Amino acid sequence: MTSRSLHPVLDASHDMEIAVPPDWDVLDPATVGPAVTCAVVAPIEPDLEFRPNVILTRSDIDRLSVAEWQEHNETVLRDTLTAYTVVDRYEEFADYVVTDRRLADYVTPDGVNVTMTQWSRARAGRGVTLTVTVSTADFPEMVPLVEAIGATWRWVDQA
């Protein structure tokens, strides 16, 4: 799946960029949720039980560190997602940026088991999270694409 070329997409504020498969649909973030600045979904296919999606969200975190902010988010996720289970969570540091990485499973309201991969970063009192969610059954074959999308995430002014 990484042999597919990825197409750059800017978020609604035009200061974050990710790259996604060119046939994926970019949604109006205002129709998805209040904190969403970018939403992209895979095309509808009859054999998919869940449409893979990519979501960028922002929130004010004031003076919280990435770790403190994500500890709070962990509680929110556990309280709001059915059968939420963290598979792995760790912090990484690259290019002077601290990123909190999370891999977790949960069950959608439609009863589909999904796996989400998250990258969370902070800048100037704003927390930004990139979430890529796919069906758990499809996750093993989707890992290269999920990681490729995550590797493209950057601030536009980032060198």
N, C-alpha and C. Protein backbone atom coordinates (compact mmCIF):
# COMPACT_ATOMS: atom_id res chain seq x y z
N MET A 1 0.79 -1.20 0.00
CA MET A 1 0.00 0.00 0.00
C MET A 1 0.83 1.26 0.00
N THR A 2 2.05 1.22 0.44
CA THR A 2 2.86 2.42 0.42
C THR A 2 3.33 2.75 -0.98
N SER A 3 3.16 1.84 -1.94
CA SER A 3 3.55 2.13 -3.31
C SER A 3 2.60 3.17 -3.92
N ARG A 4 1.41 3.34 -3.31
CA ARG A 4 0.49 4.37 -3.77
C ARG A 4 1.10 5.72 -3.47
N SER A 5 0.95 6.63 -4.42
CA SER A 5 1.43 7.98 -4.13
C SER A 5 0.44 8.65 -3.19
N LEU A 6 0.96 9.49 -2.35
CA LEU A 6 0.12 10.22 -1.41
C LEU A 6 -0.02 11.66 -1.88
N HIS A 7 -1.17 12.23 -1.60
CA HIS A 7 -1.54 13.56 -2.06
C HIS A 7 -1.60 14.50 -0.85
N PRO A 8 -0.89 15.66 -0.89
CA PRO A 8 -0.90 16.56 0.27
C PRO A 8 -2.26 17.24 0.46
N VAL A 9 -2.65 17.39 1.73
CA VAL A 9 -3.89 18.06 2.10
C VAL A 9 -3.58 19.01 3.25
N LEU A 10 -4.06 20.26 3.14
CA LEU A 10 -3.91 21.23 4.23
C LEU A 10 -5.13 21.17 5.13
N ASP A 11 -4.92 21.44 6.42
CA ASP A 11 -6.06 21.52 7.33
C ASP A 11 -6.76 22.86 7.15
N ALA A 12 -7.89 23.05 7.83
CA ALA A 12 -8.70 24.25 7.66
C ALA A 12 -7.97 25.54 8.02
N SER A 13 -6.99 25.45 8.91
CA SER A 13 -6.24 26.65 9.30
C SER A 13 -5.07 26.92 8.35
N HIS A 14 -4.81 26.00 7.44
CA HIS A 14 -3.74 26.09 6.45
C HIS A 14 -2.34 26.15 7.07
N ASP A 15 -2.20 25.62 8.28
CA ASP A 15 -0.86 25.57 8.85
C ASP A 15 -0.39 24.16 9.18
N MET A 16 -1.23 23.15 8.90
CA MET A 16 -0.84 21.75 9.07
C MET A 16 -1.05 21.04 7.73
N GLU A 17 -0.17 20.09 7.45
CA GLU A 17 -0.30 19.33 6.21
C GLU A 17 -0.12 17.85 6.50
N ILE A 18 -0.93 17.03 5.85
CA ILE A 18 -0.77 15.59 5.85
C ILE A 18 -0.87 15.15 4.40
N ALA A 19 -0.50 13.92 4.13
CA ALA A 19 -0.66 13.38 2.78
C ALA A 19 -1.47 12.09 2.88
N VAL A 20 -2.40 11.94 1.97
CA VAL A 20 -3.33 10.81 1.96
C VAL A 20 -3.44 10.26 0.54
N PRO A 21 -3.97 9.06 0.37
CA PRO A 21 -4.17 8.55 -0.99
C PRO A 21 -5.05 9.51 -1.80
N PRO A 22 -4.72 9.72 -3.07
CA PRO A 22 -5.45 10.72 -3.86
C PRO A 22 -6.93 10.41 -4.08
N ASP A 23 -7.33 9.14 -3.94
CA ASP A 23 -8.74 8.81 -4.14
C ASP A 23 -9.57 8.92 -2.87
N TRP A 24 -8.97 9.33 -1.75
CA TRP A 24 -9.72 9.52 -0.51
C TRP A 24 -10.43 10.86 -0.55
N ASP A 25 -11.58 10.94 0.12
CA ASP A 25 -12.42 12.13 0.10
C ASP A 25 -12.11 13.06 1.26
N VAL A 26 -11.85 14.33 0.93
CA VAL A 26 -11.64 15.35 1.95
C VAL A 26 -13.02 15.91 2.30
N LEU A 27 -13.37 15.84 3.59
CA LEU A 27 -14.67 16.33 4.05
C LEU A 27 -14.55 17.76 4.57
N ASP A 28 -15.67 18.45 4.63
CA ASP A 28 -15.70 19.76 5.25
C ASP A 28 -15.58 19.53 6.76
N PRO A 29 -14.47 19.97 7.39
CA PRO A 29 -14.29 19.68 8.82
C PRO A 29 -15.41 20.23 9.69
N ALA A 30 -16.07 21.28 9.27
CA ALA A 30 -17.16 21.86 10.07
C ALA A 30 -18.32 20.89 10.21
N THR A 31 -18.44 19.93 9.30
CA THR A 31 -19.54 18.97 9.37
C THR A 31 -19.18 17.76 10.22
N VAL A 32 -17.93 17.67 10.67
CA VAL A 32 -17.47 16.49 11.41
C VAL A 32 -17.47 16.72 12.91
N GLY A 33 -16.97 17.85 13.35
CA GLY A 33 -16.91 18.11 14.78
C GLY A 33 -16.25 19.43 15.06
N PRO A 34 -16.47 19.99 16.24
CA PRO A 34 -15.98 21.34 16.54
C PRO A 34 -14.46 21.47 16.60
N ALA A 35 -13.75 20.45 17.01
CA ALA A 35 -12.30 20.55 17.13
C ALA A 35 -11.57 20.02 15.89
N VAL A 36 -12.32 19.52 14.92
CA VAL A 36 -11.72 18.91 13.73
C VAL A 36 -11.28 19.98 12.74
N THR A 37 -10.02 19.89 12.29
CA THR A 37 -9.52 20.83 11.30
C THR A 37 -9.26 20.17 9.95
N CYS A 38 -9.31 18.84 9.91
CA CYS A 38 -9.15 18.11 8.65
C CYS A 38 -9.76 16.72 8.83
N ALA A 39 -10.54 16.30 7.84
CA ALA A 39 -11.16 14.98 7.88
C ALA A 39 -11.12 14.39 6.48
N VAL A 40 -10.58 13.19 6.39
CA VAL A 40 -10.42 12.51 5.10
C VAL A 40 -10.86 11.06 5.27
N VAL A 41 -11.64 10.54 4.32
CA VAL A 41 -12.11 9.15 4.40
C VAL A 41 -11.82 8.41 3.11
N ALA A 42 -11.61 7.10 3.26
CA ALA A 42 -11.39 6.24 2.10
C ALA A 42 -12.68 6.16 1.29
N PRO A 43 -12.56 5.84 0.01
CA PRO A 43 -13.78 5.72 -0.80
C PRO A 43 -14.66 4.57 -0.30
N ILE A 44 -15.94 4.68 -0.59
CA ILE A 44 -16.88 3.61 -0.23
C ILE A 44 -16.60 2.40 -1.12
N GLU A 45 -16.41 1.27 -0.48
CA GLU A 45 -16.21 0.01 -1.20
C GLU A 45 -17.12 -1.03 -0.57
N PRO A 46 -17.78 -1.86 -1.40
CA PRO A 46 -18.75 -2.82 -0.87
C PRO A 46 -18.18 -3.80 0.16
N ASP A 47 -16.89 -4.15 0.03
CA ASP A 47 -16.33 -5.16 0.94
C ASP A 47 -15.74 -4.57 2.22
N LEU A 48 -15.78 -3.24 2.37
CA LEU A 48 -15.27 -2.62 3.60
C LEU A 48 -16.35 -2.60 4.67
N GLU A 49 -16.02 -3.09 5.86
CA GLU A 49 -16.98 -2.99 6.96
C GLU A 49 -16.85 -1.64 7.66
N PHE A 50 -15.74 -0.93 7.41
CA PHE A 50 -15.49 0.37 8.01
C PHE A 50 -14.62 1.17 7.06
N ARG A 51 -14.97 2.42 6.80
CA ARG A 51 -14.16 3.27 5.93
C ARG A 51 -12.98 3.84 6.71
N PRO A 52 -11.76 3.50 6.34
CA PRO A 52 -10.60 4.10 7.01
C PRO A 52 -10.71 5.62 6.93
N ASN A 53 -10.22 6.29 7.97
CA ASN A 53 -10.30 7.74 7.97
C ASN A 53 -9.11 8.36 8.67
N VAL A 54 -8.90 9.63 8.35
CA VAL A 54 -7.81 10.43 8.91
C VAL A 54 -8.44 11.70 9.44
N ILE A 55 -8.16 12.01 10.70
CA ILE A 55 -8.75 13.19 11.34
C ILE A 55 -7.64 13.98 12.04
N LEU A 56 -7.62 15.29 11.84
CA LEU A 56 -6.76 16.20 12.61
C LEU A 56 -7.66 17.00 13.54
N THR A 57 -7.31 17.02 14.83
CA THR A 57 -8.06 17.81 15.80
C THR A 57 -7.12 18.74 16.54
N ARG A 58 -7.68 19.84 17.00
CA ARG A 58 -6.91 20.82 17.79
C ARG A 58 -7.65 21.15 19.07
N SER A 59 -6.89 21.45 20.10
CA SER A 59 -7.50 21.92 21.34
C SER A 59 -6.53 22.83 22.07
N ASP A 60 -7.09 23.73 22.86
CA ASP A 60 -6.26 24.58 23.70
C ASP A 60 -5.78 23.76 24.88
N ILE A 61 -4.48 23.73 25.09
CA ILE A 61 -3.95 22.97 26.23
C ILE A 61 -3.19 23.86 27.21
N ASP A 62 -3.18 25.15 26.92
CA ASP A 62 -2.56 26.14 27.80
C ASP A 62 -1.11 25.75 28.07
N ARG A 63 -0.77 25.50 29.31
CA ARG A 63 0.63 25.21 29.67
C ARG A 63 0.89 23.72 29.96
N LEU A 64 -0.06 22.88 29.61
CA LEU A 64 0.14 21.45 29.83
C LEU A 64 1.24 20.91 28.92
N SER A 65 1.99 19.96 29.42
CA SER A 65 2.94 19.27 28.55
C SER A 65 2.16 18.29 27.68
N VAL A 66 2.79 17.77 26.66
CA VAL A 66 2.14 16.76 25.81
C VAL A 66 1.71 15.57 26.67
N ALA A 67 2.58 15.14 27.58
CA ALA A 67 2.27 13.98 28.43
C ALA A 67 1.06 14.26 29.33
N GLU A 68 1.01 15.44 29.95
CA GLU A 68 -0.13 15.79 30.82
C GLU A 68 -1.43 15.86 30.02
N TRP A 69 -1.37 16.48 28.87
CA TRP A 69 -2.54 16.60 28.01
C TRP A 69 -3.04 15.23 27.58
N GLN A 70 -2.11 14.35 27.22
CA GLN A 70 -2.50 13.02 26.76
C GLN A 70 -2.99 12.13 27.90
N GLU A 71 -2.51 12.34 29.10
CA GLU A 71 -3.07 11.61 30.25
C GLU A 71 -4.54 11.96 30.42
N HIS A 72 -4.85 13.24 30.28
CA HIS A 72 -6.25 13.67 30.34
C HIS A 72 -7.04 13.03 29.20
N ASN A 73 -6.50 13.06 27.98
CA ASN A 73 -7.19 12.47 26.83
C ASN A 73 -7.41 10.98 27.01
N GLU A 74 -6.49 10.32 27.68
CA GLU A 74 -6.63 8.89 27.93
C GLU A 74 -7.90 8.61 28.74
N THR A 75 -8.15 9.45 29.73
CA THR A 75 -9.36 9.31 30.54
C THR A 75 -10.61 9.56 29.70
N VAL A 76 -10.57 10.59 28.87
CA VAL A 76 -11.72 10.90 28.01
C VAL A 76 -11.99 9.74 27.05
N LEU A 77 -10.97 9.22 26.42
CA LEU A 77 -11.15 8.11 25.48
C LEU A 77 -11.72 6.88 26.18
N ARG A 78 -11.19 6.57 27.35
CA ARG A 78 -11.67 5.42 28.12
C ARG A 78 -13.14 5.58 28.51
N ASP A 79 -13.54 6.82 28.81
CA ASP A 79 -14.92 7.08 29.23
C ASP A 79 -15.91 7.19 28.08
N THR A 80 -15.44 7.45 26.86
CA THR A 80 -16.37 7.69 25.76
C THR A 80 -16.40 6.62 24.68
N LEU A 81 -15.35 5.82 24.57
CA LEU A 81 -15.30 4.80 23.51
C LEU A 81 -15.58 3.42 24.10
N THR A 82 -16.44 2.67 23.44
CA THR A 82 -16.81 1.33 23.90
C THR A 82 -15.63 0.38 23.75
N ALA A 83 -15.36 -0.36 24.81
CA ALA A 83 -14.29 -1.38 24.83
C ALA A 83 -12.93 -0.80 24.46
N TYR A 84 -12.69 0.45 24.84
CA TYR A 84 -11.42 1.11 24.54
C TYR A 84 -10.28 0.40 25.25
N THR A 85 -9.26 0.03 24.47
CA THR A 85 -8.10 -0.67 25.01
C THR A 85 -6.83 -0.11 24.38
N VAL A 86 -5.92 0.36 25.21
CA VAL A 86 -4.63 0.83 24.71
C VAL A 86 -3.76 -0.38 24.40
N VAL A 87 -3.23 -0.43 23.20
CA VAL A 87 -2.32 -1.51 22.81
C VAL A 87 -0.89 -1.08 23.07
N ASP A 88 -0.59 0.19 22.77
CA ASP A 88 0.75 0.72 22.99
C ASP A 88 0.66 2.24 23.07
N ARG A 89 1.50 2.82 23.91
CA ARG A 89 1.58 4.27 24.01
C ARG A 89 2.98 4.63 24.45
N TYR A 90 3.58 5.58 23.75
CA TYR A 90 4.93 6.00 24.09
C TYR A 90 5.18 7.39 23.53
N GLU A 91 6.24 8.00 24.00
CA GLU A 91 6.63 9.33 23.54
C GLU A 91 7.88 9.19 22.70
N GLU A 92 7.92 9.95 21.60
CA GLU A 92 9.12 9.96 20.78
C GLU A 92 9.54 11.41 20.52
N PHE A 93 10.81 11.60 20.25
CA PHE A 93 11.35 12.93 20.02
C PHE A 93 12.15 12.91 18.73
N ALA A 94 11.71 13.71 17.75
CA ALA A 94 12.43 13.79 16.47
C ALA A 94 12.27 15.19 15.92
N ASP A 95 13.32 15.70 15.31
CA ASP A 95 13.29 17.03 14.71
C ASP A 95 12.79 18.10 15.69
N TYR A 96 13.23 17.99 16.94
CA TYR A 96 12.89 18.95 17.99
C TYR A 96 11.41 18.96 18.35
N VAL A 97 10.69 17.90 18.03
CA VAL A 97 9.26 17.82 18.31
C VAL A 97 8.98 16.58 19.16
N VAL A 98 8.26 16.78 20.29
CA VAL A 98 7.82 15.67 21.13
C VAL A 98 6.48 15.20 20.58
N THR A 99 6.38 13.90 20.34
CA THR A 99 5.14 13.31 19.83
C THR A 99 4.72 12.18 20.75
N ASP A 100 3.48 12.23 21.19
CA ASP A 100 2.91 11.13 21.97
C ASP A 100 2.24 10.20 20.96
N ARG A 101 2.66 8.93 20.94
CA ARG A 101 2.10 7.95 20.01
C ARG A 101 1.18 7.01 20.77
N ARG A 102 0.03 6.73 20.18
CA ARG A 102 -0.94 5.83 20.81
C ARG A 102 -1.48 4.88 19.74
N LEU A 103 -1.57 3.61 20.11
CA LEU A 103 -2.24 2.60 19.31
C LEU A 103 -3.30 2.01 20.21
N ALA A 104 -4.56 2.05 19.77
CA ALA A 104 -5.66 1.59 20.63
C ALA A 104 -6.77 0.97 19.79
N ASP A 105 -7.53 0.11 20.42
CA ASP A 105 -8.70 -0.52 19.78
C ASP A 105 -9.95 -0.06 20.51
N TYR A 106 -11.06 -0.03 19.77
CA TYR A 106 -12.37 0.20 20.39
C TYR A 106 -13.44 -0.33 19.45
N VAL A 107 -14.68 -0.28 19.89
CA VAL A 107 -15.81 -0.75 19.09
C VAL A 107 -16.67 0.45 18.73
N THR A 108 -16.97 0.62 17.43
CA THR A 108 -17.79 1.73 16.97
C THR A 108 -19.24 1.54 17.40
N PRO A 109 -20.05 2.59 17.32
CA PRO A 109 -21.49 2.43 17.62
C PRO A 109 -22.18 1.39 16.74
N ASP A 110 -21.63 1.13 15.55
CA ASP A 110 -22.18 0.10 14.65
C ASP A 110 -21.67 -1.30 14.98
N GLY A 111 -20.84 -1.41 16.03
CA GLY A 111 -20.35 -2.72 16.44
C GLY A 111 -19.12 -3.20 15.71
N VAL A 112 -18.41 -2.31 15.01
CA VAL A 112 -17.21 -2.70 14.28
C VAL A 112 -15.99 -2.49 15.17
N ASN A 113 -15.13 -3.49 15.25
CA ASN A 113 -13.87 -3.36 15.97
C ASN A 113 -12.91 -2.55 15.10
N VAL A 114 -12.39 -1.45 15.65
CA VAL A 114 -11.47 -0.60 14.91
C VAL A 114 -10.19 -0.39 15.70
N THR A 115 -9.15 -0.04 14.96
CA THR A 115 -7.85 0.28 15.56
C THR A 115 -7.49 1.69 15.13
N MET A 116 -7.09 2.49 16.11
CA MET A 116 -6.67 3.86 15.79
C MET A 116 -5.21 4.04 16.18
N THR A 117 -4.53 4.76 15.32
CA THR A 117 -3.16 5.16 15.58
C THR A 117 -3.18 6.67 15.71
N GLN A 118 -2.58 7.19 16.79
CA GLN A 118 -2.57 8.63 17.01
C GLN A 118 -1.16 9.16 17.20
N TRP A 119 -0.97 10.36 16.69
CA TRP A 119 0.23 11.15 16.91
C TRP A 119 -0.25 12.46 17.51
N SER A 120 0.23 12.84 18.69
CA SER A 120 -0.20 14.08 19.34
C SER A 120 1.02 14.96 19.61
N ARG A 121 0.87 16.23 19.25
CA ARG A 121 1.94 17.21 19.43
C ARG A 121 1.36 18.51 19.98
N ALA A 122 2.23 19.32 20.54
CA ALA A 122 1.80 20.62 21.07
C ALA A 122 2.71 21.71 20.53
N ARG A 123 2.07 22.87 20.36
CA ARG A 123 2.82 24.04 19.89
C ARG A 123 2.05 25.29 20.31
N ALA A 124 2.72 26.17 21.01
CA ALA A 124 2.15 27.46 21.39
C ALA A 124 0.80 27.32 22.10
N GLY A 125 0.72 26.39 23.05
CA GLY A 125 -0.49 26.22 23.83
C GLY A 125 -1.64 25.52 23.13
N ARG A 126 -1.37 24.98 21.94
CA ARG A 126 -2.39 24.25 21.20
C ARG A 126 -1.94 22.80 21.04
N GLY A 127 -2.85 21.88 21.33
CA GLY A 127 -2.57 20.47 21.13
C GLY A 127 -3.19 20.03 19.82
N VAL A 128 -2.44 19.28 19.05
CA VAL A 128 -2.92 18.79 17.77
C VAL A 128 -2.73 17.28 17.73
N THR A 129 -3.79 16.57 17.32
CA THR A 129 -3.71 15.12 17.22
C THR A 129 -4.11 14.67 15.83
N LEU A 130 -3.27 13.83 15.25
CA LEU A 130 -3.58 13.14 13.99
C LEU A 130 -4.04 11.74 14.37
N THR A 131 -5.23 11.36 13.93
CA THR A 131 -5.76 10.03 14.20
C THR A 131 -6.07 9.34 12.88
N VAL A 132 -5.53 8.15 12.70
CA VAL A 132 -5.86 7.32 11.54
C VAL A 132 -6.56 6.09 12.09
N THR A 133 -7.80 5.85 11.64
CA THR A 133 -8.60 4.75 12.16
C THR A 133 -8.99 3.81 11.03
N VAL A 134 -8.80 2.51 11.27
CA VAL A 134 -9.15 1.49 10.29
C VAL A 134 -9.80 0.31 11.01
N SER A 135 -10.47 -0.53 10.27
CA SER A 135 -11.03 -1.75 10.83
C SER A 135 -9.89 -2.59 11.40
N THR A 136 -10.09 -3.15 12.58
CA THR A 136 -9.06 -3.99 13.18
C THR A 136 -8.72 -5.17 12.27
N ALA A 137 -9.72 -5.71 11.59
CA ALA A 137 -9.47 -6.83 10.67
C ALA A 137 -8.56 -6.43 9.51
N ASP A 138 -8.64 -5.17 9.08
CA ASP A 138 -7.82 -4.67 7.97
C ASP A 138 -6.50 -4.07 8.42
N PHE A 139 -6.34 -3.87 9.74
CA PHE A 139 -5.17 -3.15 10.24
C PHE A 139 -3.84 -3.75 9.79
N PRO A 140 -3.63 -5.08 9.87
CA PRO A 140 -2.31 -5.59 9.48
C PRO A 140 -1.88 -5.19 8.06
N GLU A 141 -2.81 -5.24 7.13
CA GLU A 141 -2.45 -4.86 5.75
C GLU A 141 -2.37 -3.34 5.58
N MET A 142 -2.99 -2.58 6.48
CA MET A 142 -3.01 -1.12 6.38
C MET A 142 -1.84 -0.45 7.10
N VAL A 143 -1.09 -1.18 7.91
CA VAL A 143 -0.01 -0.58 8.70
C VAL A 143 0.94 0.26 7.84
N PRO A 144 1.43 -0.23 6.69
CA PRO A 144 2.35 0.63 5.92
C PRO A 144 1.72 1.96 5.50
N LEU A 145 0.45 1.95 5.11
CA LEU A 145 -0.22 3.19 4.72
C LEU A 145 -0.42 4.10 5.94
N VAL A 146 -0.86 3.53 7.05
CA VAL A 146 -1.07 4.31 8.28
C VAL A 146 0.23 5.00 8.68
N GLU A 147 1.32 4.27 8.69
CA GLU A 147 2.61 4.85 9.07
C GLU A 147 3.08 5.88 8.05
N ALA A 148 2.82 5.65 6.77
CA ALA A 148 3.19 6.61 5.73
C ALA A 148 2.44 7.92 5.91
N ILE A 149 1.15 7.84 6.21
CA ILE A 149 0.36 9.05 6.46
C ILE A 149 0.92 9.79 7.67
N GLY A 150 1.17 9.07 8.76
CA GLY A 150 1.72 9.70 9.96
C GLY A 150 3.06 10.38 9.71
N ALA A 151 3.89 9.78 8.87
CA ALA A 151 5.21 10.34 8.58
C ALA A 151 5.14 11.64 7.78
N THR A 152 4.01 11.90 7.13
CA THR A 152 3.88 13.13 6.33
C THR A 152 3.38 14.32 7.13
N TRP A 153 2.86 14.08 8.34
CA TRP A 153 2.24 15.15 9.12
C TRP A 153 3.27 16.18 9.54
N ARG A 154 2.98 17.45 9.22
CA ARG A 154 3.92 18.52 9.59
C ARG A 154 3.21 19.86 9.64
N TRP A 155 3.84 20.79 10.36
CA TRP A 155 3.42 22.18 10.30
C TRP A 155 3.95 22.71 8.98
N VAL A 156 3.18 23.55 8.32
CA VAL A 156 3.56 24.07 7.01
C VAL A 156 4.87 24.85 7.09
N ASP A 157 5.08 25.57 8.19
CA ASP A 157 6.33 26.34 8.32
C ASP A 157 7.49 25.52 8.85
N GLN A 158 7.29 24.21 9.00
CA GLN A 158 8.34 23.31 9.49
C GLN A 158 9.36 23.09 8.37
N ALA A 159 10.61 23.20 8.70
CA ALA A 159 11.66 23.02 7.68
C ALA A 159 11.74 21.60 7.19
